[in-house]
Amino acid sequence: MRRAAIIAILVLMAFTAVAGSAYGAFAALVRVTKAVPASVTVQLLPVRVHPVAPPTAVGRSEIDVVVQADGARDLMGAQMALTYDSALMSFVSAQPTTRFDDCFAASNDVVGVVSLALVCSVSRSGASLDLWTVAFRVANVVTSTRADLAVADVLLSDSQVQTIVSVGDTSSVDIVPGVCGDMNGDELVNVFDAILDLQIIVGLVSPTSAHMLLGDVVRDGEINVFDVILTLQHIVGLTVITSCGPPAAAINLRDAQWEPPWINNATTFSVEQHEYGYPG
């Protein structure tokens, strides 16, 4: 009987020791769990930074290329290089888009590479952020030729001065022969082209793909009275037609960017850049 009691006491002591160890491990786990921040921002995929260019451009015209970042969170600063085919394109200008026009920015072109950098006082997040608008003049070509663009050497920073994982990507634009505004193919812009514009507008002539490319000098995706006005202004020397074809990269109305002031600023910027408006 005494022996059985001793065995029972030993078993109870062993059980108590095991239970105590388990409790200690559980308590440590709870402490570690409590030490983890309640909210952790995790960038699951690299931010894709890429050039957005019109699919087609007419030789000797100007195009806008928008540098876009997809899936950026808490973006505070960015630097990158936009490379282009200097045999087919020449740099005109670079400036931050309206969403970043309150940031400090700098750009520099060394033939074939445009270096871009900006730093903001307030971070931005969005499914798609338009960072820069870079203007190029494309060369005259005899046959359709593809020009490549690429974003490289990307470095993005968040508000904690930590690197945002990112990757650069590529795009291209097909350069086709022609003269913007020249609807009849005589390589001149004159009243014959304005007449053809009007005939297309009222339905007397069915436009070809070449007409839609060369005649859309306002770049709004159609041939209308605004193209006629700009053509006439070009003829008399009030302005110069510098581009035509597909519309410039669209303004992305995402991520609660529906505020009227933002839209108005973007519209004003586009008007100033392309010299649209009513004749004075």
C-alpha atoms as a PDB file:
ATOM      1  CA  MET A   1       0.000   0.000   0.000  1.00  0.00           C
ATOM      2  CA  ARG A   2       2.804   2.336   0.874  1.00  0.00           C
ATOM      3  CA  ARG A   3       4.545   1.489  -2.362  1.00  0.00           C
ATOM      4  CA  ALA A   4       1.424   2.284  -4.380  1.00  0.00           C
ATOM      5  CA  ALA A   5       1.101   5.657  -2.664  1.00  0.00           C
ATOM      6  CA  ILE A   6       4.707   6.548  -3.510  1.00  0.00           C
ATOM      7  CA  ILE A   7       4.127   5.655  -7.182  1.00  0.00           C
ATOM      8  CA  ALA A   8       0.980   7.773  -7.265  1.00  0.00           C
ATOM      9  CA  ILE A   9       2.859  10.764  -5.787  1.00  0.00           C
ATOM     10  CA  LEU A  10       5.632  10.396  -8.397  1.00  0.00           C
ATOM     11  CA  VAL A  11       3.122  10.246 -11.261  1.00  0.00           C
ATOM     12  CA  LEU A  12       1.365  13.359  -9.942  1.00  0.00           C
ATOM     13  CA  MET A  13       4.679  15.248  -9.727  1.00  0.00           C
ATOM     14  CA  ALA A  14       5.585  14.293 -13.307  1.00  0.00           C
ATOM     15  CA  PHE A  15       2.183  15.409 -14.595  1.00  0.00           C
ATOM     16  CA  THR A  16       2.529  18.738 -12.773  1.00  0.00           C
ATOM     17  CA  ALA A  17       5.961  19.312 -14.324  1.00  0.00           C
ATOM     18  CA  VAL A  18       4.682  18.556 -17.842  1.00  0.00           C
ATOM     19  CA  ALA A  19       1.654  20.799 -17.372  1.00  0.00           C
ATOM     20  CA  GLY A  20       3.864  23.609 -16.110  1.00  0.00           C
ATOM     21  CA  SER A  21       6.146  23.347 -19.156  1.00  0.00           C
ATOM     22  CA  ALA A  22       3.152  23.377 -21.495  1.00  0.00           C
ATOM     23  CA  TYR A  23       1.724  26.442 -19.758  1.00  0.00           C
ATOM     24  CA  GLY A  24       5.081  28.219 -20.007  1.00  0.00           C
ATOM     25  CA  ALA A  25       5.315  27.485 -23.724  1.00  0.00           C
ATOM     26  CA  PHE A  26       1.745  28.687 -24.248  1.00  0.00           C
ATOM     27  CA  ALA A  27       2.399  31.898 -22.324  1.00  0.00           C
ATOM     28  CA  ALA A  28       5.538  32.567 -24.380  1.00  0.00           C
ATOM     29  CA  LEU A  29       3.562  32.021 -27.571  1.00  0.00           C
ATOM     30  CA  VAL A  30       0.924  34.482 -26.400  1.00  0.00           C
ATOM     31  CA  ARG A  31       3.622  37.056 -25.630  1.00  0.00           C
ATOM     32  CA  VAL A  32       5.166  36.637 -29.092  1.00  0.00           C
ATOM     33  CA  THR A  33       1.750  36.882 -30.724  1.00  0.00           C
ATOM     34  CA  LYS A  34       0.963  40.081 -28.860  1.00  0.00           C
ATOM     35  CA  ALA A  35       4.282  41.560 -30.025  1.00  0.00           C
ATOM     36  CA  VAL A  36       3.271  41.289 -33.710  1.00  0.00           C
ATOM     37  CA  PRO A  37       1.727  44.555 -34.985  1.00  0.00           C
ATOM     38  CA  ALA A  38      -1.997  44.368 -35.533  1.00  0.00           C
ATOM     39  CA  SER A  39      -1.713  45.807 -39.055  1.00  0.00           C
ATOM     40  CA  VAL A  40       1.101  44.874 -41.414  1.00  0.00           C
ATOM     41  CA  THR A  41       1.262  46.104 -45.025  1.00  0.00           C
ATOM     42  CA  VAL A  42       2.584  43.376 -47.311  1.00  0.00           C
ATOM     43  CA  GLN A  43       3.415  44.008 -50.977  1.00  0.00           C
ATOM     44  CA  LEU A  44       2.607  40.579 -52.403  1.00  0.00           C
ATOM     45  CA  LEU A  45       3.582  41.292 -56.009  1.00  0.00           C
ATOM     46  CA  PRO A  46       6.177  43.643 -57.505  1.00  0.00           C
ATOM     47  CA  VAL A  47       4.878  47.000 -58.673  1.00  0.00           C
ATOM     48  CA  ARG A  48       4.918  46.978 -62.480  1.00  0.00           C
ATOM     49  CA  VAL A  49       6.279  50.237 -63.906  1.00  0.00           C
ATOM     50  CA  HIS A  50       5.753  50.506 -67.645  1.00  0.00           C
ATOM     51  CA  PRO A  51       5.394  52.985 -70.531  1.00  0.00           C
ATOM     52  CA  VAL A  52       1.926  53.538 -72.012  1.00  0.00           C
ATOM     53  CA  ALA A  53       2.196  54.746 -75.607  1.00  0.00           C
ATOM     54  CA  PRO A  54      -0.314  55.147 -78.454  1.00  0.00           C
ATOM     55  CA  PRO A  55      -0.283  51.998 -80.601  1.00  0.00           C
ATOM     56  CA  THR A  56       0.316  53.993 -83.797  1.00  0.00           C
ATOM     57  CA  ALA A  57       2.007  57.303 -84.598  1.00  0.00           C
ATOM     58  CA  VAL A  58       2.500  59.172 -87.855  1.00  0.00           C
ATOM     59  CA  GLY A  59       6.044  60.091 -88.861  1.00  0.00           C
ATOM     60  CA  ARG A  60       7.150  63.622 -87.892  1.00  0.00           C
ATOM     61  CA  SER A  61       4.393  63.870 -85.260  1.00  0.00           C
ATOM     62  CA  GLU A  62       4.601  64.163 -81.476  1.00  0.00           C
ATOM     63  CA  ILE A  63       3.361  61.514 -79.059  1.00  0.00           C
ATOM     64  CA  ASP A  64       2.899  61.397 -75.301  1.00  0.00           C
ATOM     65  CA  VAL A  65       4.195  58.401 -73.376  1.00  0.00           C
ATOM     66  CA  VAL A  66       2.852  57.983 -69.847  1.00  0.00           C
ATOM     67  CA  VAL A  67       4.993  56.132 -67.300  1.00  0.00           C
ATOM     68  CA  GLN A  68       2.578  54.159 -65.140  1.00  0.00           C
ATOM     69  CA  ALA A  69       2.979  52.188 -61.891  1.00  0.00           C
ATOM     70  CA  ASP A  70       0.482  49.378 -61.303  1.00  0.00           C
ATOM     71  CA  GLY A  71      -0.366  48.292 -57.761  1.00  0.00           C
ATOM     72  CA  ALA A  72       1.760  50.798 -55.810  1.00  0.00           C
ATOM     73  CA  ARG A  73       1.009  51.326 -52.105  1.00  0.00           C
ATOM     74  CA  ASP A  74       2.327  54.201 -49.985  1.00  0.00           C
ATOM     75  CA  LEU A  75       4.513  55.525 -52.822  1.00  0.00           C
ATOM     76  CA  MET A  76       6.626  58.463 -51.664  1.00  0.00           C
ATOM     77  CA  GLY A  77       9.480  58.590 -54.181  1.00  0.00           C
ATOM     78  CA  ALA A  78      10.442  57.099 -57.527  1.00  0.00           C
ATOM     79  CA  GLN A  79      13.372  57.047 -59.897  1.00  0.00           C
ATOM     80  CA  MET A  80      13.804  55.187 -63.166  1.00  0.00           C
ATOM     81  CA  ALA A  81      15.128  55.323 -66.716  1.00  0.00           C
ATOM     82  CA  LEU A  82      12.908  55.370 -69.790  1.00  0.00           C
ATOM     83  CA  THR A  83      14.824  54.042 -72.768  1.00  0.00           C
ATOM     84  CA  TYR A  84      13.798  54.667 -76.379  1.00  0.00           C
ATOM     85  CA  ASP A  85      15.052  54.096 -79.919  1.00  0.00           C
ATOM     86  CA  SER A  86      16.927  57.332 -80.666  1.00  0.00           C
ATOM     87  CA  ALA A  87      17.008  56.500 -84.380  1.00  0.00           C
ATOM     88  CA  LEU A  88      13.209  56.710 -84.515  1.00  0.00           C
ATOM     89  CA  MET A  89      12.328  59.064 -81.663  1.00  0.00           C
ATOM     90  CA  SER A  90      13.681  62.285 -80.183  1.00  0.00           C
ATOM     91  CA  PHE A  91      12.971  63.617 -76.708  1.00  0.00           C
ATOM     92  CA  VAL A  92      10.800  66.751 -76.359  1.00  0.00           C
ATOM     93  CA  SER A  93       9.850  67.145 -72.691  1.00  0.00           C
ATOM     94  CA  ALA A  94       9.013  65.335 -69.450  1.00  0.00           C
ATOM     95  CA  GLN A  95       6.846  66.381 -66.532  1.00  0.00           C
ATOM     96  CA  PRO A  96       4.943  64.701 -63.692  1.00  0.00           C
ATOM     97  CA  THR A  97       1.274  63.997 -64.295  1.00  0.00           C
ATOM     98  CA  THR A  98      -1.423  66.032 -62.553  1.00  0.00           C
ATOM     99  CA  ARG A  99      -1.561  63.564 -59.672  1.00  0.00           C
ATOM    100  CA  PHE A 100       2.098  64.257 -58.901  1.00  0.00           C
ATOM    101  CA  ASP A 101       2.362  67.912 -59.889  1.00  0.00           C
ATOM    102  CA  ASP A 102       2.892  68.960 -56.250  1.00  0.00           C
ATOM    103  CA  CYS A 103       5.999  66.777 -55.920  1.00  0.00           C
ATOM    104  CA  PHE A 104       9.652  67.687 -56.404  1.00  0.00           C
ATOM    105  CA  ALA A 105      10.757  66.311 -59.763  1.00  0.00           C
ATOM    106  CA  ALA A 106      13.730  66.247 -62.104  1.00  0.00           C
ATOM    107  CA  SER A 107      14.406  64.752 -65.523  1.00  0.00           C
ATOM    108  CA  ASN A 108      17.329  64.554 -67.905  1.00  0.00           C
ATOM    109  CA  ASP A 109      17.694  63.185 -71.417  1.00  0.00           C
ATOM    110  CA  VAL A 110      20.877  61.618 -72.716  1.00  0.00           C
ATOM    111  CA  VAL A 111      20.204  60.365 -76.234  1.00  0.00           C
ATOM    112  CA  GLY A 112      18.279  57.122 -75.891  1.00  0.00           C
ATOM    113  CA  VAL A 113      17.657  57.377 -72.118  1.00  0.00           C
ATOM    114  CA  VAL A 114      15.419  59.735 -70.131  1.00  0.00           C
ATOM    115  CA  SER A 115      16.254  59.717 -66.401  1.00  0.00           C
ATOM    116  CA  LEU A 116      13.248  60.496 -64.191  1.00  0.00           C
ATOM    117  CA  ALA A 117      13.001  61.138 -60.436  1.00  0.00           C
ATOM    118  CA  LEU A 118      10.371  62.548 -58.100  1.00  0.00           C
ATOM    119  CA  VAL A 119       9.844  62.854 -54.327  1.00  0.00           C
ATOM    120  CA  CYS A 120       6.532  63.749 -52.670  1.00  0.00           C
ATOM    121  CA  SER A 121       5.613  65.081 -49.225  1.00  0.00           C
ATOM    122  CA  VAL A 122       2.499  62.878 -49.133  1.00  0.00           C
ATOM    123  CA  SER A 123       2.438  59.268 -50.286  1.00  0.00           C
ATOM    124  CA  ARG A 124       0.127  57.941 -53.002  1.00  0.00           C
ATOM    125  CA  SER A 125      -1.506  54.547 -53.467  1.00  0.00           C
ATOM    126  CA  GLY A 126      -3.512  53.161 -56.340  1.00  0.00           C
ATOM    127  CA  ALA A 127      -4.230  50.285 -58.679  1.00  0.00           C
ATOM    128  CA  SER A 128      -2.722  52.382 -61.455  1.00  0.00           C
ATOM    129  CA  LEU A 129      -0.696  55.560 -60.891  1.00  0.00           C
ATOM    130  CA  ASP A 130       0.325  57.768 -63.825  1.00  0.00           C
ATOM    131  CA  LEU A 131       3.729  59.141 -62.802  1.00  0.00           C
ATOM    132  CA  TRP A 132       5.210  60.977 -65.787  1.00  0.00           C
ATOM    133  CA  THR A 133       4.177  62.259 -69.199  1.00  0.00           C
ATOM    134  CA  VAL A 134       7.104  62.153 -71.612  1.00  0.00           C
ATOM    135  CA  ALA A 135       6.714  63.734 -75.062  1.00  0.00           C
ATOM    136  CA  PHE A 136       8.634  62.494 -78.102  1.00  0.00           C
ATOM    137  CA  ARG A 137       8.802  63.476 -81.757  1.00  0.00           C
ATOM    138  CA  VAL A 138       8.894  60.442 -84.034  1.00  0.00           C
ATOM    139  CA  ALA A 139      10.983  60.284 -87.194  1.00  0.00           C
ATOM    140  CA  ASN A 140       9.721  60.259 -90.752  1.00  0.00           C
ATOM    141  CA  VAL A 141       9.529  56.723 -92.138  1.00  0.00           C
ATOM    142  CA  VAL A 142       8.994  55.209 -95.571  1.00  0.00           C
ATOM    143  CA  THR A 143       7.402  52.005 -94.308  1.00  0.00           C
ATOM    144  CA  SER A 144       5.728  51.094 -91.033  1.00  0.00           C
ATOM    145  CA  THR A 145       8.393  50.683 -88.356  1.00  0.00           C
ATOM    146  CA  ARG A 146       8.143  49.628 -84.718  1.00  0.00           C
ATOM    147  CA  ALA A 147       9.885  51.684 -82.025  1.00  0.00           C
ATOM    148  CA  ASP A 148      10.495  50.110 -78.628  1.00  0.00           C
ATOM    149  CA  LEU A 149      10.243  51.742 -75.209  1.00  0.00           C
ATOM    150  CA  ALA A 150      11.299  50.300 -71.853  1.00  0.00           C
ATOM    151  CA  VAL A 151      11.387  51.297 -68.189  1.00  0.00           C
ATOM    152  CA  ALA A 152      14.551  50.145 -66.390  1.00  0.00           C
ATOM    153  CA  ASP A 153      16.569  50.768 -63.200  1.00  0.00           C
ATOM    154  CA  VAL A 154      13.411  51.329 -61.158  1.00  0.00           C
ATOM    155  CA  LEU A 155      13.710  52.343 -57.500  1.00  0.00           C
ATOM    156  CA  LEU A 156      10.527  53.068 -55.514  1.00  0.00           C
ATOM    157  CA  SER A 157      10.343  54.171 -51.876  1.00  0.00           C
ATOM    158  CA  ASP A 158       7.496  54.194 -49.359  1.00  0.00           C
ATOM    159  CA  SER A 159       6.905  56.698 -46.543  1.00  0.00           C
ATOM    160  CA  GLN A 160       9.118  54.637 -44.203  1.00  0.00           C
ATOM    161  CA  VAL A 161      12.029  55.028 -46.645  1.00  0.00           C
ATOM    162  CA  GLN A 162      11.820  51.329 -47.456  1.00  0.00           C
ATOM    163  CA  THR A 163      12.191  49.877 -50.933  1.00  0.00           C
ATOM    164  CA  ILE A 164       8.971  48.937 -52.728  1.00  0.00           C
ATOM    165  CA  VAL A 165       9.670  45.841 -54.791  1.00  0.00           C
ATOM    166  CA  SER A 166       9.180  46.757 -58.432  1.00  0.00           C
ATOM    167  CA  VAL A 167       9.913  45.656 -61.971  1.00  0.00           C
ATOM    168  CA  GLY A 168      10.227  47.623 -65.212  1.00  0.00           C
ATOM    169  CA  ASP A 169       8.380  46.637 -68.369  1.00  0.00           C
ATOM    170  CA  THR A 170       8.309  47.450 -72.089  1.00  0.00           C
ATOM    171  CA  SER A 171       5.992  48.815 -74.757  1.00  0.00           C
ATOM    172  CA  SER A 172       6.182  49.828 -78.408  1.00  0.00           C
ATOM    173  CA  VAL A 173       4.621  52.142 -80.976  1.00  0.00           C
ATOM    174  CA  ASP A 174       4.208  51.523 -84.697  1.00  0.00           C
ATOM    175  CA  ILE A 175       5.395  54.517 -86.735  1.00  0.00           C
ATOM    176  CA  VAL A 176       3.678  54.829 -90.104  1.00  0.00           C
ATOM    177  CA  PRO A 177       4.398  57.128 -93.064  1.00  0.00           C
ATOM    178  CA  GLY A 178       2.216  60.155 -93.713  1.00  0.00           C
ATOM    179  CA  VAL A 179       1.627  63.796 -92.806  1.00  0.00           C
ATOM    180  CA  CYS A 180      -0.754  64.720 -90.013  1.00  0.00           C
ATOM    181  CA  GLY A 181      -3.725  66.557 -91.503  1.00  0.00           C
ATOM    182  CA  ASP A 182      -3.022  65.332 -95.050  1.00  0.00           C
ATOM    183  CA  MET A 183      -6.247  63.561 -95.999  1.00  0.00           C
ATOM    184  CA  ASN A 184      -5.719  63.248 -99.774  1.00  0.00           C
ATOM    185  CA  GLY A 185      -2.148  61.946 -99.755  1.00  0.00           C
ATOM    186  CA  ASP A 186      -0.392  64.843-101.494  1.00  0.00           C
ATOM    187  CA  GLU A 187       1.917  65.378 -98.462  1.00  0.00           C
ATOM    188  CA  LEU A 188       0.479  68.880 -97.968  1.00  0.00           C
ATOM    189  CA  VAL A 189      -2.124  70.259 -95.571  1.00  0.00           C
ATOM    190  CA  ASN A 190      -4.478  72.592 -97.383  1.00  0.00           C
ATOM    191  CA  VAL A 191      -8.148  73.321 -98.066  1.00  0.00           C
ATOM    192  CA  PHE A 192      -8.566  70.031 -99.943  1.00  0.00           C
ATOM    193  CA  ASP A 193      -7.954  68.223 -96.660  1.00  0.00           C
ATOM    194  CA  ALA A 194     -10.406  70.452 -94.768  1.00  0.00           C
ATOM    195  CA  ILE A 195     -13.054  69.752 -97.435  1.00  0.00           C
ATOM    196  CA  LEU A 196     -12.483  66.004 -97.108  1.00  0.00           C
ATOM    197  CA  ASP A 197     -12.822  66.330 -93.327  1.00  0.00           C
ATOM    198  CA  LEU A 198     -16.213  68.008 -93.762  1.00  0.00           C
ATOM    199  CA  GLN A 199     -17.366  65.381 -96.265  1.00  0.00           C
ATOM    200  CA  ILE A 200     -16.532  62.657 -93.754  1.00  0.00           C
ATOM    201  CA  ILE A 201     -18.348  64.523 -90.968  1.00  0.00           C
ATOM    202  CA  VAL A 202     -21.612  64.850 -92.953  1.00  0.00           C
ATOM    203  CA  GLY A 203     -21.411  61.294 -94.317  1.00  0.00           C
ATOM    204  CA  LEU A 204     -20.577  61.995 -97.958  1.00  0.00           C
ATOM    205  CA  VAL A 205     -17.329  60.036 -97.674  1.00  0.00           C
ATOM    206  CA  SER A 206     -16.660  56.880 -95.685  1.00  0.00           C
ATOM    207  CA  PRO A 207     -13.319  57.312 -93.876  1.00  0.00           C
ATOM    208  CA  THR A 208     -10.533  54.794 -94.312  1.00  0.00           C
ATOM    209  CA  SER A 209      -8.199  53.766 -91.512  1.00  0.00           C
ATOM    210  CA  ALA A 210      -5.629  56.200 -92.970  1.00  0.00           C
ATOM    211  CA  HIS A 211      -8.195  59.017 -92.819  1.00  0.00           C
ATOM    212  CA  MET A 212      -8.956  58.260 -89.164  1.00  0.00           C
ATOM    213  CA  LEU A 213      -5.254  58.298 -88.359  1.00  0.00           C
ATOM    214  CA  LEU A 214      -4.168  61.387 -90.305  1.00  0.00           C
ATOM    215  CA  GLY A 215      -7.333  63.461 -89.990  1.00  0.00           C
ATOM    216  CA  ASP A 216      -7.793  63.170 -86.229  1.00  0.00           C
ATOM    217  CA  VAL A 217      -5.464  66.079 -85.460  1.00  0.00           C
ATOM    218  CA  VAL A 218      -7.224  66.854 -82.170  1.00  0.00           C
ATOM    219  CA  ARG A 219      -6.641  63.231 -81.107  1.00  0.00           C
ATOM    220  CA  ASP A 220     -10.058  62.623 -79.600  1.00  0.00           C
ATOM    221  CA  GLY A 221     -10.707  59.375 -81.476  1.00  0.00           C
ATOM    222  CA  GLU A 222     -12.899  60.775 -84.262  1.00  0.00           C
ATOM    223  CA  ILE A 223     -13.001  63.272 -87.117  1.00  0.00           C
ATOM    224  CA  ASN A 224     -15.203  66.232 -86.246  1.00  0.00           C
ATOM    225  CA  VAL A 225     -15.482  70.008 -86.541  1.00  0.00           C
ATOM    226  CA  PHE A 226     -12.600  70.509 -84.087  1.00  0.00           C
ATOM    227  CA  ASP A 227     -10.265  68.811 -86.576  1.00  0.00           C
ATOM    228  CA  VAL A 228     -11.533  71.106 -89.342  1.00  0.00           C
ATOM    229  CA  ILE A 229     -10.913  74.196 -87.191  1.00  0.00           C
ATOM    230  CA  LEU A 230      -7.393  73.099 -86.278  1.00  0.00           C
ATOM    231  CA  THR A 231      -6.643  72.272 -89.920  1.00  0.00           C
ATOM    232  CA  LEU A 232      -7.782  75.749 -91.023  1.00  0.00           C
ATOM    233  CA  GLN A 233      -5.726  77.389 -88.259  1.00  0.00           C
ATOM    234  CA  HIS A 234      -2.701  75.412 -89.477  1.00  0.00           C
ATOM    235  CA  ILE A 235      -3.284  76.487 -93.082  1.00  0.00           C
ATOM    236  CA  VAL A 236      -3.332  80.210 -92.234  1.00  0.00           C
ATOM    237  CA  GLY A 237      -0.424  79.951 -89.786  1.00  0.00           C
ATOM    238  CA  LEU A 238      -2.267  80.440 -86.482  1.00  0.00           C
ATOM    239  CA  THR A 239      -1.012  77.102 -85.171  1.00  0.00           C
ATOM    240  CA  VAL A 240       1.009  74.084 -86.224  1.00  0.00           C
ATOM    241  CA  ILE A 241      -0.347  70.553 -86.360  1.00  0.00           C
ATOM    242  CA  THR A 242       2.165  68.479 -84.415  1.00  0.00           C
ATOM    243  CA  SER A 243       0.344  65.194 -83.886  1.00  0.00           C
ATOM    244  CA  CYS A 244      -2.576  63.036 -84.954  1.00  0.00           C
ATOM    245  CA  GLY A 245      -3.988  59.580 -84.568  1.00  0.00           C
ATOM    246  CA  PRO A 246      -5.086  57.636 -81.508  1.00  0.00           C
ATOM    247  CA  PRO A 247      -5.894  59.635 -78.400  1.00  0.00           C
ATOM    248  CA  ALA A 248      -3.136  60.230 -75.889  1.00  0.00           C
ATOM    249  CA  ALA A 249      -2.993  57.854 -72.918  1.00  0.00           C
ATOM    250  CA  ALA A 250      -6.352  58.010 -71.153  1.00  0.00           C
ATOM    251  CA  ILE A 251      -6.791  59.632 -67.758  1.00  0.00           C
ATOM    252  CA  ASN A 252      -7.481  56.834 -65.258  1.00  0.00           C
ATOM    253  CA  LEU A 253     -10.419  57.771 -63.031  1.00  0.00           C
ATOM    254  CA  ARG A 254      -9.608  55.164 -60.396  1.00  0.00           C
ATOM    255  CA  ASP A 255      -9.014  55.007 -56.684  1.00  0.00           C
ATOM    256  CA  ALA A 256     -11.581  57.645 -55.707  1.00  0.00           C
ATOM    257  CA  GLN A 257     -10.055  60.183 -58.128  1.00  0.00           C
ATOM    258  CA  TRP A 258     -13.476  61.500 -59.102  1.00  0.00           C
ATOM    259  CA  GLU A 259     -13.160  64.865 -57.390  1.00  0.00           C
ATOM    260  CA  PRO A 260     -14.147  67.693 -59.785  1.00  0.00           C
ATOM    261  CA  PRO A 261     -10.992  69.791 -59.051  1.00  0.00           C
ATOM    262  CA  TRP A 262      -8.765  66.872 -60.048  1.00  0.00           C
ATOM    263  CA  ILE A 263     -10.702  66.315 -63.270  1.00  0.00           C
ATOM    264  CA  ASN A 264     -10.682  70.036 -64.081  1.00  0.00           C
ATOM    265  CA  ASN A 265      -6.929  70.250 -63.506  1.00  0.00           C
ATOM    266  CA  ALA A 266      -6.336  67.268 -65.781  1.00  0.00           C
ATOM    267  CA  THR A 267      -8.522  68.765 -68.511  1.00  0.00           C
ATOM    268  CA  THR A 268      -6.777  72.149 -68.270  1.00  0.00           C
ATOM    269  CA  PHE A 269      -3.407  70.430 -68.488  1.00  0.00           C
ATOM    270  CA  SER A 270      -4.437  68.569 -71.639  1.00  0.00           C
ATOM    271  CA  VAL A 271      -5.782  71.746 -73.273  1.00  0.00           C
ATOM    272  CA  GLU A 272      -2.596  73.672 -72.507  1.00  0.00           C
ATOM    273  CA  GLN A 273      -0.367  70.868 -73.750  1.00  0.00           C
ATOM    274  CA  HIS A 274      -2.089  70.387 -77.086  1.00  0.00           C
ATOM    275  CA  GLU A 275      -3.242  73.959 -77.722  1.00  0.00           C
ATOM    276  CA  TYR A 276      -6.870  72.958 -78.112  1.00  0.00           C
ATOM    277  CA  GLY A 277      -9.556  75.610 -77.900  1.00  0.00           C
ATOM    278  CA  TYR A 278     -11.790  77.898 -79.863  1.00  0.00           C
ATOM    279  CA  PRO A 279     -10.288  80.230 -82.467  1.00  0.00           C
ATOM    280  CA  GLY A 280      -9.822  83.753 -81.149  1.00  0.00           C
END
